[in-house]
């Protein structure tokens, strides 16, 4: 499996409140995480980093993920722990009041990929069937689209586009969406914060993923395009490519 993680401050923000990474457990399986923090006075930075570092520590000590059910249970159990940690930290530290973070986490094995999702970061798959968004944004605007109150075109420029309905750390409990897909030779997963998905159209993502070259180059091209289109937000992404010929890549 090949994998790359990349994050960029963007052209407008004074600091990067996104966090993430690709981590390996005792069995050599990968956990990929993108977390987009929110909250004033750099509190979003605290929420996203706390979430990623806690999951990293637990994952690197773990083993024995054999089935999609194992993966889903692992993600739900430990993301709920993270939610409690961030919530308590926000309550106990006035400067962090109201902080939270999205979580996009994928356990990728040689047979399947299990996704856990909270917020408006996204996971896409690109394979022989085309390009598809695998997650549903937990936002006010997406709820309005889903219930038929506005169109997808209206959503693009809606004044409340940034209102998130579900996040890690903002309440004592959180509902986590999980999904498992077959992950096969040649399949590509793209995880990203909304700093990418708000600035790069899906057809542009596909065009870049289709090009020859390394995952590093493709990741840089996606971030450069988001910046060229304004770069108002932090931009974070992970690309995972199933490749039997490069198992350690």
C-alpha atoms as a PDB file:
ATOM      1  CA  UNK A   1       0.000   0.000   0.000  1.00  0.00           C
ATOM      2  CA  UNK A   2       1.241   3.478  -0.855  1.00  0.00           C
ATOM      3  CA  UNK A   3       0.302   6.441   1.305  1.00  0.00           C
ATOM      4  CA  UNK A   4       0.999  10.159   1.653  1.00  0.00           C
ATOM      5  CA  UNK A   5      -0.077  12.785   4.200  1.00  0.00           C
ATOM      6  CA  UNK A   6       0.177  16.509   3.528  1.00  0.00           C
ATOM      7  CA  UNK A   7      -1.048  19.624   5.316  1.00  0.00           C
ATOM      8  CA  UNK A   8      -0.773  23.309   4.441  1.00  0.00           C
ATOM      9  CA  UNK A   9      -1.678  26.494   6.289  1.00  0.00           C
ATOM     10  CA  UNK A  10      -3.261  28.014   3.178  1.00  0.00           C
ATOM     11  CA  UNK A  11      -2.904  31.633   2.112  1.00  0.00           C
ATOM     12  CA  UNK A  12      -5.100  33.426   4.656  1.00  0.00           C
ATOM     13  CA  UNK A  13      -5.102  31.729   8.082  1.00  0.00           C
ATOM     14  CA  UNK A  14      -2.422  32.729  10.583  1.00  0.00           C
ATOM     15  CA  UNK A  15      -1.984  29.179  11.860  1.00  0.00           C
ATOM     16  CA  UNK A  16      -2.865  25.626  10.887  1.00  0.00           C
ATOM     17  CA  UNK A  17      -5.647  24.109  13.002  1.00  0.00           C
ATOM     18  CA  UNK A  18      -5.700  20.889  10.939  1.00  0.00           C
ATOM     19  CA  UNK A  19      -3.892  17.763  12.108  1.00  0.00           C
ATOM     20  CA  UNK A  20      -3.501  14.249  10.798  1.00  0.00           C
ATOM     21  CA  UNK A  21      -1.164  11.480   9.822  1.00  0.00           C
ATOM     22  CA  UNK A  22      -0.740   7.863   8.760  1.00  0.00           C
ATOM     23  CA  UNK A  23       0.128   5.433  11.536  1.00  0.00           C
ATOM     24  CA  UNK A  24       1.046   1.724  11.596  1.00  0.00           C
ATOM     25  CA  UNK A  25       0.008  -0.819  14.253  1.00  0.00           C
ATOM     26  CA  UNK A  26       1.775  -3.964  15.499  1.00  0.00           C
ATOM     27  CA  UNK A  27       0.429  -5.948  12.513  1.00  0.00           C
ATOM     28  CA  UNK A  28       1.538  -3.392   9.916  1.00  0.00           C
ATOM     29  CA  UNK A  29      -1.984  -2.114   9.235  1.00  0.00           C
ATOM     30  CA  UNK A  30      -2.520   1.570   8.590  1.00  0.00           C
ATOM     31  CA  UNK A  31      -4.708   4.127  10.332  1.00  0.00           C
ATOM     32  CA  UNK A  32      -5.119   7.371   8.357  1.00  0.00           C
ATOM     33  CA  UNK A  33      -6.578  10.440  10.101  1.00  0.00           C
ATOM     34  CA  UNK A  34      -7.568  13.941   9.018  1.00  0.00           C
ATOM     35  CA  UNK A  35      -8.839  16.280  11.762  1.00  0.00           C
ATOM     36  CA  UNK A  36      -9.991  19.863  11.114  1.00  0.00           C
ATOM     37  CA  UNK A  37     -10.038  21.810  14.378  1.00  0.00           C
ATOM     38  CA  UNK A  38     -12.309  24.708  15.241  1.00  0.00           C
ATOM     39  CA  UNK A  39     -12.493  27.236  18.045  1.00  0.00           C
ATOM     40  CA  UNK A  40     -10.928  30.605  18.753  1.00  0.00           C
ATOM     41  CA  UNK A  41      -7.485  31.454  20.120  1.00  0.00           C
ATOM     42  CA  UNK A  42      -5.881  28.381  18.542  1.00  0.00           C
ATOM     43  CA  UNK A  43      -8.206  26.060  20.469  1.00  0.00           C
ATOM     44  CA  UNK A  44      -9.024  24.221  17.240  1.00  0.00           C
ATOM     45  CA  UNK A  45      -5.339  23.410  16.996  1.00  0.00           C
ATOM     46  CA  UNK A  46      -5.518  21.887  20.496  1.00  0.00           C
ATOM     47  CA  UNK A  47      -8.618  19.803  19.678  1.00  0.00           C
ATOM     48  CA  UNK A  48      -7.297  18.349  16.435  1.00  0.00           C
ATOM     49  CA  UNK A  49      -3.799  17.603  17.757  1.00  0.00           C
ATOM     50  CA  UNK A  50      -5.146  16.036  20.954  1.00  0.00           C
ATOM     51  CA  UNK A  51      -7.458  13.791  18.930  1.00  0.00           C
ATOM     52  CA  UNK A  52      -4.817  12.654  16.461  1.00  0.00           C
ATOM     53  CA  UNK A  53      -2.076  12.060  19.048  1.00  0.00           C
ATOM     54  CA  UNK A  54      -4.372   9.991  21.277  1.00  0.00           C
ATOM     55  CA  UNK A  55      -5.548   7.793  18.397  1.00  0.00           C
ATOM     56  CA  UNK A  56      -1.960   7.443  17.139  1.00  0.00           C
ATOM     57  CA  UNK A  57      -0.739   6.235  20.533  1.00  0.00           C
ATOM     58  CA  UNK A  58      -3.550   3.678  20.850  1.00  0.00           C
ATOM     59  CA  UNK A  59      -3.197   2.455  17.257  1.00  0.00           C
ATOM     60  CA  UNK A  60       0.570   1.941  17.422  1.00  0.00           C
ATOM     61  CA  UNK A  61       0.054  -0.356  20.444  1.00  0.00           C
ATOM     62  CA  UNK A  62      -2.857  -2.274  18.883  1.00  0.00           C
ATOM     63  CA  UNK A  63      -3.029  -5.543  16.974  1.00  0.00           C
ATOM     64  CA  UNK A  64      -5.498  -8.236  15.999  1.00  0.00           C
ATOM     65  CA  UNK A  65      -7.774  -6.313  13.642  1.00  0.00           C
ATOM     66  CA  UNK A  66      -9.038  -9.191  11.517  1.00  0.00           C
ATOM     67  CA  UNK A  67     -12.497  -8.157  10.346  1.00  0.00           C
ATOM     68  CA  UNK A  68     -14.446  -5.052   9.386  1.00  0.00           C
ATOM     69  CA  UNK A  69     -16.382  -5.464  12.637  1.00  0.00           C
ATOM     70  CA  UNK A  70     -13.091  -5.368  14.595  1.00  0.00           C
ATOM     71  CA  UNK A  71     -12.079  -2.196  12.766  1.00  0.00           C
ATOM     72  CA  UNK A  72     -15.440  -0.503  13.277  1.00  0.00           C
ATOM     73  CA  UNK A  73     -15.481  -1.351  16.963  1.00  0.00           C
ATOM     74  CA  UNK A  74     -11.919  -0.081  17.423  1.00  0.00           C
ATOM     75  CA  UNK A  75     -12.705   3.227  15.725  1.00  0.00           C
ATOM     76  CA  UNK A  76     -15.979   3.830  17.559  1.00  0.00           C
ATOM     77  CA  UNK A  77     -14.576   2.910  20.989  1.00  0.00           C
ATOM     78  CA  UNK A  78     -11.510   5.114  20.745  1.00  0.00           C
ATOM     79  CA  UNK A  79     -13.109   8.062  18.950  1.00  0.00           C
ATOM     80  CA  UNK A  80     -15.691   8.167  21.759  1.00  0.00           C
ATOM     81  CA  UNK A  81     -12.757   8.253  24.222  1.00  0.00           C
ATOM     82  CA  UNK A  82     -11.225  11.114  22.256  1.00  0.00           C
ATOM     83  CA  UNK A  83     -14.541  12.968  22.259  1.00  0.00           C
ATOM     84  CA  UNK A  84     -14.655  12.747  26.058  1.00  0.00           C
ATOM     85  CA  UNK A  85     -11.039  13.910  26.399  1.00  0.00           C
ATOM     86  CA  UNK A  86     -11.555  16.966  24.181  1.00  0.00           C
ATOM     87  CA  UNK A  87     -14.904  17.803  25.810  1.00  0.00           C
ATOM     88  CA  UNK A  88     -13.417  17.672  29.313  1.00  0.00           C
ATOM     89  CA  UNK A  89     -10.361  19.701  28.276  1.00  0.00           C
ATOM     90  CA  UNK A  90     -12.619  22.390  26.781  1.00  0.00           C
ATOM     91  CA  UNK A  91     -14.707  22.509  29.978  1.00  0.00           C
ATOM     92  CA  UNK A  92     -11.642  22.727  32.221  1.00  0.00           C
ATOM     93  CA  UNK A  93      -9.735  25.343  30.230  1.00  0.00           C
ATOM     94  CA  UNK A  94     -11.553  28.606  29.607  1.00  0.00           C
ATOM     95  CA  UNK A  95      -9.421  29.505  26.573  1.00  0.00           C
ATOM     96  CA  UNK A  96     -10.562  26.268  24.916  1.00  0.00           C
ATOM     97  CA  UNK A  97     -14.278  26.752  25.550  1.00  0.00           C
ATOM     98  CA  UNK A  98     -16.316  25.585  22.559  1.00  0.00           C
ATOM     99  CA  UNK A  99     -13.421  23.950  20.733  1.00  0.00           C
ATOM    100  CA  UNK A 100     -13.926  20.852  18.627  1.00  0.00           C
ATOM    101  CA  UNK A 101     -12.682  18.998  15.591  1.00  0.00           C
ATOM    102  CA  UNK A 102     -13.843  16.919  12.687  1.00  0.00           C
ATOM    103  CA  UNK A 103     -12.509  13.380  12.387  1.00  0.00           C
ATOM    104  CA  UNK A 104     -11.994  11.385   9.218  1.00  0.00           C
ATOM    105  CA  UNK A 105     -10.326   8.099  10.166  1.00  0.00           C
ATOM    106  CA  UNK A 106      -9.707   5.057   7.979  1.00  0.00           C
ATOM    107  CA  UNK A 107      -8.318   1.659   8.964  1.00  0.00           C
ATOM    108  CA  UNK A 108      -6.884   0.226   5.733  1.00  0.00           C
ATOM    109  CA  UNK A 109      -6.026  -3.477   5.471  1.00  0.00           C
ATOM    110  CA  UNK A 110      -5.233  -5.777   2.545  1.00  0.00           C
ATOM    111  CA  UNK A 111      -8.912  -6.759   2.295  1.00  0.00           C
ATOM    112  CA  UNK A 112     -11.037  -3.792   3.327  1.00  0.00           C
ATOM    113  CA  UNK A 113     -11.073  -0.190   4.488  1.00  0.00           C
ATOM    114  CA  UNK A 114     -13.269   0.937   7.387  1.00  0.00           C
ATOM    115  CA  UNK A 115     -14.113   4.631   7.646  1.00  0.00           C
ATOM    116  CA  UNK A 116     -15.204   6.585  10.732  1.00  0.00           C
ATOM    117  CA  UNK A 117     -16.606  10.036  10.110  1.00  0.00           C
ATOM    118  CA  UNK A 118     -17.697  13.028  12.198  1.00  0.00           C
ATOM    119  CA  UNK A 119     -18.073  16.535  10.746  1.00  0.00           C
ATOM    120  CA  UNK A 120     -17.413  17.868   7.254  1.00  0.00           C
ATOM    121  CA  UNK A 121     -14.030  16.456   6.369  1.00  0.00           C
ATOM    122  CA  UNK A 122     -14.491  13.883   3.610  1.00  0.00           C
ATOM    123  CA  UNK A 123     -13.423  10.511   2.260  1.00  0.00           C
ATOM    124  CA  UNK A 124     -13.602   9.745  -1.465  1.00  0.00           C
ATOM    125  CA  UNK A 125     -12.802   6.598  -3.434  1.00  0.00           C
ATOM    126  CA  UNK A 126     -11.441   6.496  -6.959  1.00  0.00           C
ATOM    127  CA  UNK A 127     -11.491   3.137  -8.762  1.00  0.00           C
ATOM    128  CA  UNK A 128     -12.784   1.358 -11.871  1.00  0.00           C
ATOM    129  CA  UNK A 129     -16.326   2.453 -10.990  1.00  0.00           C
ATOM    130  CA  UNK A 130     -15.365   6.142 -10.974  1.00  0.00           C
ATOM    131  CA  UNK A 131     -15.032   8.755  -8.243  1.00  0.00           C
ATOM    132  CA  UNK A 132     -17.412   8.743  -5.282  1.00  0.00           C
ATOM    133  CA  UNK A 133     -17.791  10.596  -1.992  1.00  0.00           C
ATOM    134  CA  UNK A 134     -18.163   7.970   0.735  1.00  0.00           C
ATOM    135  CA  UNK A 135     -19.152  10.278   3.600  1.00  0.00           C
ATOM    136  CA  UNK A 136     -22.068  12.613   4.260  1.00  0.00           C
ATOM    137  CA  UNK A 137     -21.214  16.097   5.575  1.00  0.00           C
ATOM    138  CA  UNK A 138     -22.618  16.772   9.052  1.00  0.00           C
ATOM    139  CA  UNK A 139     -23.510  20.372   8.212  1.00  0.00           C
ATOM    140  CA  UNK A 140     -26.593  22.552   8.280  1.00  0.00           C
ATOM    141  CA  UNK A 141     -26.342  23.186   4.546  1.00  0.00           C
ATOM    142  CA  UNK A 142     -26.046  19.493   3.680  1.00  0.00           C
ATOM    143  CA  UNK A 143     -29.105  18.789   5.825  1.00  0.00           C
ATOM    144  CA  UNK A 144     -31.004  21.450   3.860  1.00  0.00           C
ATOM    145  CA  UNK A 145     -29.906  19.785   0.603  1.00  0.00           C
ATOM    146  CA  UNK A 146     -30.777  16.318   1.901  1.00  0.00           C
ATOM    147  CA  UNK A 147     -34.293  17.390   2.879  1.00  0.00           C
ATOM    148  CA  UNK A 148     -34.850  19.186  -0.426  1.00  0.00           C
ATOM    149  CA  UNK A 149     -34.981  22.728   0.983  1.00  0.00           C
ATOM    150  CA  UNK A 150     -32.121  23.980  -1.195  1.00  0.00           C
ATOM    151  CA  UNK A 151     -30.240  22.667  -4.234  1.00  0.00           C
ATOM    152  CA  UNK A 152     -26.611  21.545  -4.345  1.00  0.00           C
ATOM    153  CA  UNK A 153     -25.909  24.671  -6.397  1.00  0.00           C
ATOM    154  CA  UNK A 154     -27.464  26.849  -3.649  1.00  0.00           C
ATOM    155  CA  UNK A 155     -25.292  25.055  -1.090  1.00  0.00           C
ATOM    156  CA  UNK A 156     -22.068  26.138  -2.808  1.00  0.00           C
ATOM    157  CA  UNK A 157     -22.552  29.772  -1.761  1.00  0.00           C
ATOM    158  CA  UNK A 158     -24.880  29.486   1.218  1.00  0.00           C
ATOM    159  CA  UNK A 159     -24.057  32.065   3.963  1.00  0.00           C
ATOM    160  CA  UNK A 160     -24.191  29.362   6.667  1.00  0.00           C
ATOM    161  CA  UNK A 161     -22.058  26.861   4.788  1.00  0.00           C
ATOM    162  CA  UNK A 162     -19.615  26.520   7.679  1.00  0.00           C
ATOM    163  CA  UNK A 163     -22.179  25.543  10.347  1.00  0.00           C
ATOM    164  CA  UNK A 164     -21.290  22.021  11.525  1.00  0.00           C
ATOM    165  CA  UNK A 165     -23.968  19.915  13.232  1.00  0.00           C
ATOM    166  CA  UNK A 166     -21.681  17.201  14.589  1.00  0.00           C
ATOM    167  CA  UNK A 167     -18.095  17.431  15.857  1.00  0.00           C
ATOM    168  CA  UNK A 168     -15.663  15.828  18.291  1.00  0.00           C
ATOM    169  CA  UNK A 169     -15.481  17.502  21.705  1.00  0.00           C
ATOM    170  CA  UNK A 170     -18.419  19.901  21.541  1.00  0.00           C
ATOM    171  CA  UNK A 171     -20.771  17.633  23.506  1.00  0.00           C
ATOM    172  CA  UNK A 172     -20.284  14.788  26.002  1.00  0.00           C
ATOM    173  CA  UNK A 173     -21.417  12.213  23.429  1.00  0.00           C
ATOM    174  CA  UNK A 174     -21.232  12.047  19.651  1.00  0.00           C
ATOM    175  CA  UNK A 175     -22.696   9.865  16.917  1.00  0.00           C
ATOM    176  CA  UNK A 176     -20.033   8.370  14.645  1.00  0.00           C
ATOM    177  CA  UNK A 177     -20.795   7.269  11.094  1.00  0.00           C
ATOM    178  CA  UNK A 178     -18.916   4.133  10.006  1.00  0.00           C
ATOM    179  CA  UNK A 179     -18.708   2.387   6.661  1.00  0.00           C
ATOM    180  CA  UNK A 180     -16.645  -0.492   5.281  1.00  0.00           C
ATOM    181  CA  UNK A 181     -15.712  -0.937   1.630  1.00  0.00           C
ATOM    182  CA  UNK A 182     -13.698  -3.501  -0.285  1.00  0.00           C
ATOM    183  CA  UNK A 183     -10.203  -2.080  -0.868  1.00  0.00           C
ATOM    184  CA  UNK A 184      -8.608  -3.681  -3.920  1.00  0.00           C
ATOM    185  CA  UNK A 185      -5.637  -3.399  -6.253  1.00  0.00           C
ATOM    186  CA  UNK A 186      -5.515   0.032  -7.887  1.00  0.00           C
ATOM    187  CA  UNK A 187      -8.161   1.622  -5.624  1.00  0.00           C
ATOM    188  CA  UNK A 188      -7.368   5.093  -4.253  1.00  0.00           C
ATOM    189  CA  UNK A 189      -8.831   6.690  -1.120  1.00  0.00           C
ATOM    190  CA  UNK A 190      -8.649  10.461  -0.671  1.00  0.00           C
ATOM    191  CA  UNK A 191      -9.275  11.908   2.811  1.00  0.00           C
ATOM    192  CA  UNK A 192      -9.383  15.682   3.105  1.00  0.00           C
ATOM    193  CA  UNK A 193     -10.458  18.669   5.169  1.00  0.00           C
ATOM    194  CA  UNK A 194     -12.926  21.139   3.676  1.00  0.00           C
ATOM    195  CA  UNK A 195     -10.019  23.422   2.827  1.00  0.00           C
ATOM    196  CA  UNK A 196      -9.571  21.113  -0.154  1.00  0.00           C
ATOM    197  CA  UNK A 197     -13.137  20.039  -0.954  1.00  0.00           C
ATOM    198  CA  UNK A 198     -14.458  23.627  -0.877  1.00  0.00           C
ATOM    199  CA  UNK A 199     -11.811  24.815  -3.321  1.00  0.00           C
ATOM    200  CA  UNK A 200     -11.163  21.934  -5.738  1.00  0.00           C
ATOM    201  CA  UNK A 201     -13.976  20.488  -7.829  1.00  0.00           C
ATOM    202  CA  UNK A 202     -14.398  16.718  -8.008  1.00  0.00           C
ATOM    203  CA  UNK A 203     -13.475  16.597 -11.693  1.00  0.00           C
ATOM    204  CA  UNK A 204     -10.230  18.417 -10.859  1.00  0.00           C
ATOM    205  CA  UNK A 205      -9.491  15.897  -8.087  1.00  0.00           C
ATOM    206  CA  UNK A 206     -10.009  13.064 -10.568  1.00  0.00           C
ATOM    207  CA  UNK A 207      -7.807  14.734 -13.167  1.00  0.00           C
ATOM    208  CA  UNK A 208      -4.934  15.022 -10.684  1.00  0.00           C
ATOM    209  CA  UNK A 209      -5.369  11.486  -9.307  1.00  0.00           C
ATOM    210  CA  UNK A 210      -5.278  10.132 -12.889  1.00  0.00           C
ATOM    211  CA  UNK A 211      -1.945  11.755 -13.748  1.00  0.00           C
ATOM    212  CA  UNK A 212       1.340   9.879 -13.840  1.00  0.00           C
ATOM    213  CA  UNK A 213       3.689  10.489 -10.936  1.00  0.00           C
ATOM    214  CA  UNK A 214       4.082   9.828  -7.246  1.00  0.00           C
ATOM    215  CA  UNK A 215       1.393  10.245  -4.587  1.00  0.00           C
ATOM    216  CA  UNK A 216       3.571  13.013  -3.143  1.00  0.00           C
ATOM    217  CA  UNK A 217       3.338  14.912  -6.418  1.00  0.00           C
ATOM    218  CA  UNK A 218      -0.434  14.412  -6.640  1.00  0.00           C
ATOM    219  CA  UNK A 219      -0.900  15.606  -3.052  1.00  0.00           C
ATOM    220  CA  UNK A 220       1.163  18.727  -3.744  1.00  0.00           C
ATOM    221  CA  UNK A 221      -0.825  19.432  -6.910  1.00  0.00           C
ATOM    222  CA  UNK A 222      -4.125  19.232  -5.016  1.00  0.00           C
ATOM    223  CA  UNK A 223      -2.899  21.605  -2.301  1.00  0.00           C
ATOM    224  CA  UNK A 224      -1.438  24.019  -4.853  1.00  0.00           C
ATOM    225  CA  UNK A 225      -4.766  24.119  -6.695  1.00  0.00           C
ATOM    226  CA  UNK A 226      -6.704  24.829  -3.473  1.00  0.00           C
ATOM    227  CA  UNK A 227      -4.313  27.698  -2.769  1.00  0.00           C
ATOM    228  CA  UNK A 228      -4.590  29.028  -6.322  1.00  0.00           C
ATOM    229  CA  UNK A 229      -8.379  29.070  -5.858  1.00  0.00           C
ATOM    230  CA  UNK A 230      -8.112  31.265  -2.762  1.00  0.00           C
ATOM    231  CA  UNK A 231      -6.568  29.155  -0.007  1.00  0.00           C
ATOM    232  CA  UNK A 232      -8.790  30.768   2.636  1.00  0.00           C
ATOM    233  CA  UNK A 233      -8.664  27.701   4.878  1.00  0.00           C
ATOM    234  CA  UNK A 234      -6.085  25.188   6.065  1.00  0.00           C
ATOM    235  CA  UNK A 235      -5.725  22.302   3.602  1.00  0.00           C
ATOM    236  CA  UNK A 236      -5.048  18.731   4.688  1.00  0.00           C
ATOM    237  CA  UNK A 237      -5.222  15.486   2.767  1.00  0.00           C
ATOM    238  CA  UNK A 238      -4.215  11.846   2.742  1.00  0.00           C
ATOM    239  CA  UNK A 239      -4.010   9.632  -0.335  1.00  0.00           C
ATOM    240  CA  UNK A 240      -3.994   5.841   0.138  1.00  0.00           C
ATOM    241  CA  UNK A 241      -3.423   3.612  -2.882  1.00  0.00           C
ATOM    242  CA  UNK A 242      -3.792  -0.161  -2.754  1.00  0.00           C
ATOM    243  CA  UNK A 243      -0.719  -1.543  -4.473  1.00  0.00           C
ATOM    244  CA  UNK A 244       0.303  -5.179  -3.938  1.00  0.00           C
ATOM    245  CA  UNK A 245       3.637  -4.509  -5.599  1.00  0.00           C
ATOM    246  CA  UNK A 246       4.587  -1.889  -3.013  1.00  0.00           C
ATOM    247  CA  UNK A 247       3.346  -3.333   0.240  1.00  0.00           C
ATOM    248  CA  UNK A 248       5.616  -1.198   2.385  1.00  0.00           C
ATOM    249  CA  UNK A 249       5.231   2.018   0.365  1.00  0.00           C
END
